[in-house]
């Protein structure tokens, strides 16, 4: 995930930061039309279809997908403005991103990682436990890493017995600490 601050708005209000989500990596050119072999990093590859804008590299250069087809363990993608293998080769090894605000909402109770990172965590009695600084992906469930005010790390499994409430509007997570989690 990458975060980038958006420019100030015309009315003087500062817009929310722009979040970019990595969706894949450009491996190498394929064929003579400028198509690129693409390694998929997203859980939602079906969203990488013609018409989708992706932002390439650290400079976040925008390209529109115009062709898509499966290829072995990845995808072959064609982009508007990339018409030769030589043009495609310039992007070998670069990461492709989508804007987080362009992604469809998830079902209730599911969240993108960028929505969880930075939440203030409180126990069920209202005591501040810290801020979510990282998310560990395990086979069974995610684990939220909370940095306490004392600088310790508290590991909270993302299960309904522990995570009681997530309020994105107020940037708050309410949790129940099971024995052994303190």
N, C-alpha and C. Protein backbone atom coordinates (compact mmCIF):
# COMPACT_ATOMS: atom_id res chain seq x y z
N UNK A 1 0.84 -1.17 0.00
CA UNK A 1 0.00 0.00 0.00
C UNK A 1 0.88 1.23 0.00
N UNK A 2 0.46 2.24 -0.70
CA UNK A 2 1.16 3.50 -0.75
C UNK A 2 0.18 4.60 -0.39
N UNK A 3 0.65 5.61 0.32
CA UNK A 3 -0.18 6.75 0.67
C UNK A 3 0.44 7.98 0.03
N UNK A 4 -0.40 8.81 -0.53
CA UNK A 4 0.07 10.04 -1.14
C UNK A 4 -0.90 11.14 -0.76
N UNK A 5 -0.40 12.30 -0.39
CA UNK A 5 -1.27 13.40 -0.02
C UNK A 5 -1.79 14.06 -1.28
N UNK A 6 -3.09 14.33 -1.27
CA UNK A 6 -3.67 15.01 -2.42
C UNK A 6 -3.50 16.51 -2.26
N UNK A 7 -3.55 17.24 -3.36
CA UNK A 7 -3.39 18.69 -3.28
C UNK A 7 -4.55 19.33 -2.54
N UNK A 8 -4.33 20.55 -2.05
CA UNK A 8 -5.40 21.28 -1.37
C UNK A 8 -6.52 21.56 -2.36
N UNK A 9 -7.72 21.61 -1.83
CA UNK A 9 -8.87 21.90 -2.66
C UNK A 9 -8.99 23.40 -2.87
N UNK A 10 -9.75 23.82 -3.87
CA UNK A 10 -9.88 25.22 -4.22
C UNK A 10 -10.49 26.04 -3.07
N UNK A 11 -11.37 25.45 -2.26
CA UNK A 11 -12.01 26.20 -1.19
C UNK A 11 -11.13 26.32 0.05
N UNK A 12 -9.89 25.85 -0.04
CA UNK A 12 -8.96 25.97 1.08
C UNK A 12 -8.94 24.76 1.99
N UNK A 13 -9.93 23.90 1.89
CA UNK A 13 -9.95 22.69 2.72
C UNK A 13 -8.95 21.69 2.14
N UNK A 14 -8.26 20.99 3.01
CA UNK A 14 -7.29 19.99 2.56
C UNK A 14 -8.03 18.68 2.37
N UNK A 15 -7.86 18.06 1.21
CA UNK A 15 -8.52 16.79 0.90
C UNK A 15 -7.87 15.67 1.70
N UNK A 16 -8.60 14.58 1.84
CA UNK A 16 -8.07 13.39 2.51
C UNK A 16 -6.88 12.86 1.72
N UNK A 17 -5.94 12.17 2.37
CA UNK A 17 -4.83 11.57 1.63
C UNK A 17 -5.35 10.54 0.63
N UNK A 18 -4.65 10.42 -0.49
CA UNK A 18 -4.98 9.40 -1.48
C UNK A 18 -4.26 8.11 -1.10
N UNK A 19 -4.97 7.01 -1.12
CA UNK A 19 -4.37 5.72 -0.83
C UNK A 19 -4.32 4.93 -2.13
N UNK A 20 -3.18 4.32 -2.39
CA UNK A 20 -3.02 3.47 -3.56
C UNK A 20 -2.78 2.05 -3.08
N UNK A 21 -3.44 1.10 -3.71
CA UNK A 21 -3.31 -0.31 -3.37
C UNK A 21 -2.57 -1.04 -4.48
N UNK A 22 -1.53 -1.77 -4.14
CA UNK A 22 -0.78 -2.54 -5.13
C UNK A 22 -1.66 -3.68 -5.64
N UNK A 23 -1.76 -3.81 -6.96
CA UNK A 23 -2.58 -4.87 -7.55
C UNK A 23 -1.77 -5.83 -8.40
N UNK A 24 -0.52 -5.45 -8.72
CA UNK A 24 0.28 -6.35 -9.54
C UNK A 24 1.62 -5.76 -9.89
N UNK A 25 2.38 -6.57 -10.63
CA UNK A 25 3.71 -6.14 -11.06
C UNK A 25 3.89 -6.48 -12.53
N UNK A 26 4.50 -5.54 -13.26
CA UNK A 26 4.79 -5.75 -14.67
C UNK A 26 6.03 -6.62 -14.77
N UNK A 27 5.88 -7.78 -15.44
CA UNK A 27 7.03 -8.69 -15.56
C UNK A 27 7.87 -8.42 -16.80
N UNK A 28 7.22 -8.49 -17.98
CA UNK A 28 7.99 -8.29 -19.22
C UNK A 28 7.02 -8.09 -20.37
N UNK A 29 7.53 -7.53 -21.49
CA UNK A 29 6.69 -7.40 -22.68
C UNK A 29 6.34 -8.78 -23.24
N UNK A 30 5.23 -8.83 -23.97
CA UNK A 30 4.81 -10.07 -24.60
C UNK A 30 4.18 -9.72 -25.95
N UNK A 31 4.71 -10.27 -27.00
CA UNK A 31 4.15 -10.05 -28.33
C UNK A 31 4.60 -8.72 -28.93
N UNK A 32 3.98 -8.38 -30.06
CA UNK A 32 4.41 -7.20 -30.81
C UNK A 32 3.50 -5.98 -30.61
N UNK A 33 2.39 -6.14 -29.87
CA UNK A 33 1.44 -5.03 -29.70
C UNK A 33 1.68 -4.23 -28.42
N UNK A 34 2.72 -4.56 -27.66
CA UNK A 34 3.00 -3.82 -26.44
C UNK A 34 2.32 -4.38 -25.21
N UNK A 35 1.79 -5.61 -25.31
CA UNK A 35 1.17 -6.23 -24.14
C UNK A 35 2.24 -6.56 -23.10
N UNK A 36 1.82 -6.65 -21.86
CA UNK A 36 2.73 -6.85 -20.75
C UNK A 36 2.26 -8.05 -19.93
N UNK A 37 3.18 -8.96 -19.62
CA UNK A 37 2.89 -10.06 -18.72
C UNK A 37 2.84 -9.48 -17.32
N UNK A 38 1.77 -9.78 -16.60
CA UNK A 38 1.44 -9.10 -15.34
C UNK A 38 1.27 -10.13 -14.24
N UNK A 39 2.00 -9.97 -13.14
CA UNK A 39 1.82 -10.80 -11.96
C UNK A 39 0.74 -10.16 -11.09
N UNK A 40 -0.29 -10.92 -10.77
CA UNK A 40 -1.41 -10.41 -9.99
C UNK A 40 -1.10 -10.48 -8.50
N UNK A 41 -1.30 -9.36 -7.79
CA UNK A 41 -1.10 -9.30 -6.35
C UNK A 41 -2.40 -9.06 -5.59
N UNK A 42 -3.49 -8.82 -6.31
CA UNK A 42 -4.76 -8.51 -5.67
C UNK A 42 -5.60 -9.77 -5.49
N UNK A 43 -6.48 -9.73 -4.50
CA UNK A 43 -7.44 -10.82 -4.30
C UNK A 43 -8.61 -10.69 -5.26
N UNK A 44 -8.66 -9.60 -6.03
CA UNK A 44 -9.78 -9.35 -6.92
C UNK A 44 -9.30 -9.11 -8.35
N UNK A 45 -8.66 -10.12 -8.98
CA UNK A 45 -8.13 -9.91 -10.34
C UNK A 45 -9.22 -9.62 -11.37
N UNK A 46 -10.45 -10.01 -11.09
CA UNK A 46 -11.54 -9.76 -12.04
C UNK A 46 -11.79 -8.26 -12.22
N UNK A 47 -11.32 -7.44 -11.31
CA UNK A 47 -11.50 -5.99 -11.41
C UNK A 47 -10.48 -5.35 -12.35
N UNK A 48 -9.47 -6.11 -12.75
CA UNK A 48 -8.48 -5.61 -13.71
C UNK A 48 -8.99 -5.94 -15.11
N UNK A 49 -9.83 -5.08 -15.62
CA UNK A 49 -10.48 -5.33 -16.91
C UNK A 49 -10.37 -4.07 -17.77
N UNK A 50 -10.65 -4.20 -19.07
CA UNK A 50 -10.59 -3.02 -19.93
C UNK A 50 -11.41 -1.86 -19.35
N UNK A 51 -10.78 -0.69 -19.39
CA UNK A 51 -11.41 0.51 -18.85
C UNK A 51 -10.88 0.90 -17.47
N UNK A 52 -10.24 -0.05 -16.78
CA UNK A 52 -9.70 0.22 -15.45
C UNK A 52 -8.42 1.04 -15.56
N UNK A 53 -8.29 2.05 -14.72
CA UNK A 53 -7.06 2.84 -14.64
C UNK A 53 -6.14 2.22 -13.60
N UNK A 54 -4.88 2.03 -13.99
CA UNK A 54 -3.86 1.62 -13.03
C UNK A 54 -2.79 2.70 -13.02
N UNK A 55 -2.11 2.81 -11.89
CA UNK A 55 -1.08 3.82 -11.69
C UNK A 55 0.23 3.08 -11.49
N UNK A 56 1.20 3.38 -12.36
CA UNK A 56 2.41 2.56 -12.46
C UNK A 56 3.60 3.26 -11.82
N UNK A 57 4.34 2.48 -11.02
CA UNK A 57 5.58 2.95 -10.42
C UNK A 57 5.35 3.96 -9.32
N UNK A 58 6.46 4.42 -8.75
CA UNK A 58 6.38 5.39 -7.66
C UNK A 58 5.80 6.72 -8.12
N UNK A 59 5.97 7.04 -9.41
CA UNK A 59 5.44 8.30 -9.93
C UNK A 59 3.94 8.21 -10.20
N UNK A 60 3.37 7.01 -10.12
CA UNK A 60 1.92 6.78 -10.30
C UNK A 60 1.42 7.28 -11.66
N UNK A 61 2.15 6.88 -12.72
CA UNK A 61 1.73 7.25 -14.07
C UNK A 61 0.48 6.45 -14.44
N UNK A 62 -0.57 7.13 -14.86
CA UNK A 62 -1.87 6.49 -15.13
C UNK A 62 -1.89 5.86 -16.52
N UNK A 63 -2.38 4.62 -16.57
CA UNK A 63 -2.62 3.90 -17.82
C UNK A 63 -3.97 3.22 -17.75
N UNK A 64 -4.68 3.22 -18.89
CA UNK A 64 -5.97 2.55 -18.96
C UNK A 64 -5.78 1.18 -19.61
N UNK A 65 -6.31 0.15 -18.97
CA UNK A 65 -6.27 -1.21 -19.54
C UNK A 65 -7.21 -1.24 -20.74
N UNK A 66 -6.71 -1.76 -21.88
CA UNK A 66 -7.56 -1.89 -23.07
C UNK A 66 -7.73 -3.35 -23.50
N UNK A 67 -6.83 -4.23 -23.06
CA UNK A 67 -6.93 -5.66 -23.37
C UNK A 67 -6.56 -6.46 -22.13
N UNK A 68 -7.20 -7.62 -21.99
CA UNK A 68 -6.90 -8.50 -20.86
C UNK A 68 -7.17 -9.94 -21.26
N UNK A 69 -6.23 -10.81 -20.92
CA UNK A 69 -6.49 -12.24 -21.09
C UNK A 69 -5.58 -13.02 -20.14
N UNK A 70 -6.05 -14.17 -19.67
CA UNK A 70 -5.23 -14.98 -18.77
C UNK A 70 -4.02 -15.54 -19.50
N UNK A 71 -2.94 -15.72 -18.76
CA UNK A 71 -1.73 -16.30 -19.34
C UNK A 71 -0.96 -17.01 -18.23
N UNK A 72 -0.91 -18.34 -18.30
CA UNK A 72 -0.23 -19.16 -17.30
C UNK A 72 -0.63 -18.74 -15.89
N UNK A 73 0.33 -18.24 -15.10
CA UNK A 73 0.04 -17.88 -13.72
C UNK A 73 -0.22 -16.38 -13.55
N UNK A 74 -0.49 -15.67 -14.64
CA UNK A 74 -0.74 -14.24 -14.54
C UNK A 74 -1.74 -13.78 -15.58
N UNK A 75 -1.59 -12.54 -16.00
CA UNK A 75 -2.45 -11.95 -17.02
C UNK A 75 -1.58 -11.31 -18.09
N UNK A 76 -2.12 -11.23 -19.28
CA UNK A 76 -1.54 -10.40 -20.33
C UNK A 76 -2.44 -9.18 -20.44
N UNK A 77 -1.84 -8.00 -20.25
CA UNK A 77 -2.61 -6.77 -20.30
C UNK A 77 -2.07 -5.87 -21.39
N UNK A 78 -2.98 -5.21 -22.08
CA UNK A 78 -2.62 -4.17 -23.04
C UNK A 78 -3.10 -2.84 -22.50
N UNK A 79 -2.29 -1.80 -22.70
CA UNK A 79 -2.60 -0.49 -22.15
C UNK A 79 -2.65 0.57 -23.24
N UNK A 80 -3.56 1.51 -23.07
CA UNK A 80 -3.65 2.65 -23.97
C UNK A 80 -2.31 3.40 -23.93
N UNK A 81 -1.74 3.68 -25.10
CA UNK A 81 -0.49 4.42 -25.16
C UNK A 81 0.76 3.56 -25.15
N UNK A 82 0.61 2.26 -24.91
CA UNK A 82 1.76 1.35 -24.98
C UNK A 82 1.48 0.41 -26.15
N UNK A 83 2.20 0.63 -27.27
CA UNK A 83 1.86 -0.10 -28.49
C UNK A 83 3.02 -0.93 -29.05
N UNK A 84 4.18 -0.86 -28.40
CA UNK A 84 5.33 -1.63 -28.89
C UNK A 84 5.98 -2.36 -27.72
N UNK A 85 6.70 -3.44 -28.01
CA UNK A 85 7.43 -4.13 -26.93
C UNK A 85 8.47 -3.23 -26.26
N UNK A 86 9.04 -2.31 -27.03
CA UNK A 86 10.03 -1.40 -26.46
C UNK A 86 9.41 -0.46 -25.44
N UNK A 87 8.22 0.04 -25.74
CA UNK A 87 7.51 0.88 -24.77
C UNK A 87 7.15 0.08 -23.53
N UNK A 88 6.68 -1.14 -23.73
CA UNK A 88 6.28 -1.99 -22.60
C UNK A 88 7.49 -2.32 -21.71
N UNK A 89 8.66 -2.50 -22.32
CA UNK A 89 9.86 -2.88 -21.57
C UNK A 89 10.26 -1.82 -20.54
N UNK A 90 9.88 -0.57 -20.77
CA UNK A 90 10.21 0.51 -19.82
C UNK A 90 9.58 0.28 -18.45
N UNK A 91 8.54 -0.53 -18.40
CA UNK A 91 7.80 -0.72 -17.15
C UNK A 91 8.08 -2.06 -16.48
N UNK A 92 9.01 -2.84 -17.03
CA UNK A 92 9.38 -4.12 -16.44
C UNK A 92 9.80 -3.92 -14.98
N UNK A 93 9.23 -4.73 -14.10
CA UNK A 93 9.58 -4.68 -12.68
C UNK A 93 8.83 -3.62 -11.89
N UNK A 94 8.02 -2.82 -12.54
CA UNK A 94 7.29 -1.75 -11.84
C UNK A 94 5.99 -2.31 -11.24
N UNK A 95 5.60 -1.75 -10.13
CA UNK A 95 4.36 -2.13 -9.46
C UNK A 95 3.21 -1.30 -10.01
N UNK A 96 2.06 -1.94 -10.15
CA UNK A 96 0.85 -1.26 -10.59
C UNK A 96 -0.09 -1.11 -9.39
N UNK A 97 -0.70 0.06 -9.31
CA UNK A 97 -1.59 0.37 -8.20
C UNK A 97 -2.96 0.78 -8.74
N UNK A 98 -3.96 0.71 -7.89
CA UNK A 98 -5.25 1.34 -8.13
C UNK A 98 -5.51 2.28 -6.97
N UNK A 99 -6.32 3.28 -7.20
CA UNK A 99 -6.68 4.18 -6.10
C UNK A 99 -7.69 3.47 -5.21
N UNK A 100 -7.47 3.54 -3.93
CA UNK A 100 -8.36 2.88 -2.97
C UNK A 100 -9.78 3.41 -3.07
N UNK A 101 -9.94 4.70 -3.35
CA UNK A 101 -11.28 5.26 -3.43
C UNK A 101 -12.02 4.85 -4.70
N UNK A 102 -11.33 4.20 -5.63
CA UNK A 102 -11.97 3.67 -6.84
C UNK A 102 -12.44 2.23 -6.65
N UNK A 103 -12.09 1.61 -5.56
CA UNK A 103 -12.46 0.22 -5.32
C UNK A 103 -13.87 0.14 -4.79
N UNK A 104 -14.61 -0.90 -5.16
CA UNK A 104 -15.97 -1.05 -4.66
C UNK A 104 -15.96 -1.34 -3.16
N UNK A 105 -17.02 -0.94 -2.48
CA UNK A 105 -17.08 -1.23 -1.05
C UNK A 105 -17.17 -2.74 -0.82
N UNK A 106 -16.61 -3.17 0.29
CA UNK A 106 -16.67 -4.59 0.67
C UNK A 106 -17.97 -4.85 1.41
N UNK A 107 -18.36 -6.11 1.54
CA UNK A 107 -19.56 -6.43 2.33
C UNK A 107 -19.39 -5.94 3.77
N UNK A 108 -20.51 -5.71 4.44
CA UNK A 108 -20.48 -5.23 5.82
C UNK A 108 -19.64 -6.17 6.69
N UNK A 109 -18.80 -5.58 7.51
CA UNK A 109 -17.93 -6.35 8.40
C UNK A 109 -16.60 -6.72 7.78
N UNK A 110 -16.38 -6.38 6.51
CA UNK A 110 -15.09 -6.62 5.86
C UNK A 110 -14.47 -5.28 5.53
N UNK A 111 -13.13 -5.21 5.64
CA UNK A 111 -12.44 -3.94 5.47
C UNK A 111 -11.16 -4.14 4.67
N UNK A 112 -10.80 -3.11 3.90
CA UNK A 112 -9.49 -3.09 3.28
C UNK A 112 -8.47 -2.78 4.37
N UNK A 113 -7.25 -3.25 4.20
CA UNK A 113 -6.21 -3.02 5.20
C UNK A 113 -5.98 -1.54 5.46
N UNK A 114 -5.99 -0.72 4.41
CA UNK A 114 -5.74 0.71 4.61
C UNK A 114 -6.80 1.36 5.49
N UNK A 115 -7.99 0.76 5.58
CA UNK A 115 -9.03 1.30 6.44
C UNK A 115 -8.76 0.99 7.91
N UNK A 116 -8.09 -0.10 8.19
CA UNK A 116 -7.80 -0.53 9.56
C UNK A 116 -6.55 0.15 10.11
N UNK A 117 -5.54 0.30 9.28
CA UNK A 117 -4.29 0.92 9.72
C UNK A 117 -4.55 2.34 10.22
N UNK A 118 -4.02 2.65 11.40
CA UNK A 118 -4.19 3.99 11.98
C UNK A 118 -5.38 4.14 12.90
N UNK A 119 -6.22 3.11 13.00
CA UNK A 119 -7.36 3.21 13.92
C UNK A 119 -6.88 3.27 15.36
N UNK A 120 -7.56 4.07 16.17
CA UNK A 120 -7.31 4.13 17.60
C UNK A 120 -8.06 2.99 18.26
N UNK A 121 -7.38 2.23 19.09
CA UNK A 121 -7.95 1.02 19.68
C UNK A 121 -8.26 1.27 21.16
N UNK A 122 -9.49 0.91 21.56
CA UNK A 122 -9.94 1.04 22.93
C UNK A 122 -10.50 -0.29 23.39
N UNK A 123 -10.32 -0.59 24.69
CA UNK A 123 -10.97 -1.79 25.21
C UNK A 123 -12.43 -1.48 25.50
N UNK A 124 -13.18 -2.47 25.94
CA UNK A 124 -14.62 -2.29 26.13
C UNK A 124 -14.96 -1.34 27.28
N UNK A 125 -13.98 -0.99 28.11
CA UNK A 125 -14.17 -0.02 29.19
C UNK A 125 -13.77 1.39 28.78
N UNK A 126 -13.34 1.56 27.53
CA UNK A 126 -12.97 2.87 27.02
C UNK A 126 -11.52 3.25 27.24
N UNK A 127 -10.70 2.33 27.73
CA UNK A 127 -9.28 2.61 27.96
C UNK A 127 -8.53 2.51 26.63
N UNK A 128 -7.72 3.52 26.35
CA UNK A 128 -6.93 3.53 25.12
C UNK A 128 -5.85 2.46 25.19
N UNK A 129 -5.77 1.65 24.12
CA UNK A 129 -4.74 0.61 24.04
C UNK A 129 -3.64 0.98 23.06
N UNK A 130 -3.91 1.91 22.15
CA UNK A 130 -2.91 2.31 21.16
C UNK A 130 -3.51 2.47 19.78
N UNK A 131 -2.65 2.30 18.77
CA UNK A 131 -3.01 2.52 17.37
C UNK A 131 -2.60 1.31 16.54
N UNK A 132 -3.44 0.91 15.60
CA UNK A 132 -3.10 -0.19 14.69
C UNK A 132 -2.00 0.30 13.75
N UNK A 133 -0.84 -0.37 13.79
CA UNK A 133 0.30 0.04 12.97
C UNK A 133 0.64 -0.95 11.86
N UNK A 134 0.13 -2.19 11.99
CA UNK A 134 0.46 -3.20 10.99
C UNK A 134 -0.61 -4.28 11.03
N UNK A 135 -0.67 -5.07 9.97
CA UNK A 135 -1.59 -6.20 9.91
C UNK A 135 -0.79 -7.40 9.42
N UNK A 136 -0.82 -8.46 10.22
CA UNK A 136 -0.16 -9.70 9.85
C UNK A 136 -1.19 -10.62 9.23
N UNK A 137 -0.89 -11.15 8.06
CA UNK A 137 -1.81 -12.07 7.40
C UNK A 137 -1.37 -13.49 7.72
N UNK A 138 -2.24 -14.20 8.42
CA UNK A 138 -1.97 -15.59 8.76
C UNK A 138 -2.94 -16.47 7.98
N UNK A 139 -2.79 -17.76 8.09
CA UNK A 139 -3.69 -18.65 7.37
C UNK A 139 -5.12 -18.59 7.89
N UNK A 140 -5.28 -18.47 9.19
CA UNK A 140 -6.61 -18.52 9.79
C UNK A 140 -7.31 -17.17 9.77
N UNK A 141 -6.65 -16.13 10.24
CA UNK A 141 -7.23 -14.80 10.31
C UNK A 141 -6.10 -13.77 10.38
N UNK A 142 -6.44 -12.53 10.06
CA UNK A 142 -5.46 -11.46 10.21
C UNK A 142 -5.20 -11.21 11.68
N UNK A 143 -4.06 -10.61 11.96
CA UNK A 143 -3.71 -10.19 13.31
C UNK A 143 -3.35 -8.72 13.24
N UNK A 144 -4.04 -7.90 14.06
CA UNK A 144 -3.78 -6.47 14.09
C UNK A 144 -2.67 -6.19 15.10
N UNK A 145 -1.65 -5.46 14.66
CA UNK A 145 -0.54 -5.07 15.53
C UNK A 145 -0.86 -3.68 16.05
N UNK A 146 -1.00 -3.56 17.38
CA UNK A 146 -1.34 -2.30 18.01
C UNK A 146 -0.12 -1.81 18.79
N UNK A 147 0.32 -0.61 18.49
CA UNK A 147 1.44 -0.01 19.24
C UNK A 147 0.84 0.75 20.42
N UNK A 148 1.23 0.33 21.63
CA UNK A 148 0.69 0.95 22.84
C UNK A 148 1.39 2.28 23.11
N UNK A 149 0.81 3.12 23.98
CA UNK A 149 1.47 4.38 24.33
C UNK A 149 2.85 4.16 24.95
N UNK A 150 3.07 2.99 25.57
CA UNK A 150 4.37 2.68 26.17
C UNK A 150 5.37 2.17 25.13
N UNK A 151 4.93 1.97 23.88
CA UNK A 151 5.83 1.50 22.85
C UNK A 151 5.84 -0.01 22.66
N UNK A 152 5.02 -0.74 23.42
CA UNK A 152 4.93 -2.19 23.25
C UNK A 152 4.03 -2.50 22.06
N UNK A 153 4.08 -3.75 21.61
CA UNK A 153 3.17 -4.21 20.56
C UNK A 153 2.17 -5.17 21.17
N UNK A 154 0.92 -4.94 20.86
CA UNK A 154 -0.18 -5.79 21.29
C UNK A 154 -0.71 -6.46 20.03
N UNK A 155 -0.80 -7.79 20.04
CA UNK A 155 -1.28 -8.53 18.87
C UNK A 155 -2.72 -8.95 19.11
N UNK A 156 -3.61 -8.49 18.24
CA UNK A 156 -5.03 -8.78 18.37
C UNK A 156 -5.52 -9.59 17.17
N UNK A 157 -5.97 -10.82 17.39
CA UNK A 157 -6.51 -11.58 16.27
C UNK A 157 -7.81 -10.94 15.77
N UNK A 158 -7.98 -10.88 14.47
CA UNK A 158 -9.17 -10.27 13.87
C UNK A 158 -10.30 -11.30 13.85
N UNK A 159 -10.80 -11.59 15.05
CA UNK A 159 -11.92 -12.52 15.21
C UNK A 159 -13.02 -11.81 15.98
N UNK A 160 -14.25 -12.25 15.80
CA UNK A 160 -15.38 -11.52 16.40
C UNK A 160 -15.37 -11.56 17.93
N UNK A 161 -14.69 -12.52 18.55
CA UNK A 161 -14.59 -12.56 20.01
C UNK A 161 -13.69 -11.43 20.54
N UNK A 162 -12.80 -10.91 19.71
CA UNK A 162 -11.86 -9.86 20.12
C UNK A 162 -12.27 -8.50 19.55
N UNK A 163 -12.55 -8.44 18.27
CA UNK A 163 -12.89 -7.17 17.62
C UNK A 163 -14.39 -6.96 17.76
N UNK A 164 -14.79 -6.06 18.65
CA UNK A 164 -16.21 -5.85 18.93
C UNK A 164 -16.86 -4.87 17.97
N UNK A 165 -16.11 -3.83 17.60
CA UNK A 165 -16.71 -2.80 16.76
C UNK A 165 -15.60 -2.04 16.03
N UNK A 166 -15.88 -1.70 14.77
CA UNK A 166 -14.99 -0.85 13.99
C UNK A 166 -15.82 0.31 13.49
N UNK A 167 -15.41 1.51 13.85
CA UNK A 167 -16.10 2.74 13.45
C UNK A 167 -15.14 3.55 12.58
N UNK A 168 -15.25 3.38 11.26
CA UNK A 168 -14.33 4.04 10.34
C UNK A 168 -14.51 5.56 10.36
N UNK A 169 -15.73 6.02 10.55
CA UNK A 169 -15.99 7.45 10.55
C UNK A 169 -15.23 8.16 11.68
N UNK A 170 -15.18 7.52 12.85
CA UNK A 170 -14.48 8.11 13.99
C UNK A 170 -13.07 7.54 14.18
N UNK A 171 -12.68 6.63 13.28
CA UNK A 171 -11.34 6.01 13.29
C UNK A 171 -11.04 5.29 14.61
N UNK A 172 -12.04 4.48 15.04
CA UNK A 172 -11.95 3.81 16.33
C UNK A 172 -12.26 2.32 16.18
N UNK A 173 -11.52 1.51 16.92
CA UNK A 173 -11.78 0.08 17.03
C UNK A 173 -11.98 -0.24 18.52
N UNK A 174 -13.08 -0.92 18.83
CA UNK A 174 -13.37 -1.34 20.20
C UNK A 174 -13.11 -2.84 20.29
N UNK A 175 -12.34 -3.26 21.32
CA UNK A 175 -11.95 -4.66 21.41
C UNK A 175 -12.19 -5.24 22.80
N UNK A 176 -12.27 -6.54 22.85
CA UNK A 176 -12.33 -7.29 24.10
C UNK A 176 -11.04 -8.08 24.19
N UNK A 177 -10.29 -7.86 25.26
CA UNK A 177 -9.02 -8.56 25.43
C UNK A 177 -9.26 -9.91 26.08
N UNK A 178 -9.06 -10.96 25.34
CA UNK A 178 -9.16 -12.32 25.88
C UNK A 178 -7.98 -12.55 26.83
N UNK A 179 -8.11 -13.45 27.78
CA UNK A 179 -6.98 -13.74 28.67
C UNK A 179 -5.74 -14.11 27.84
N UNK A 180 -4.62 -13.53 28.21
CA UNK A 180 -3.37 -13.79 27.52
C UNK A 180 -3.02 -12.74 26.47
N UNK A 181 -3.97 -11.89 26.12
CA UNK A 181 -3.71 -10.87 25.09
C UNK A 181 -3.14 -9.57 25.67
N UNK A 182 -3.32 -9.38 27.00
CA UNK A 182 -2.88 -8.11 27.61
C UNK A 182 -1.40 -7.96 27.53
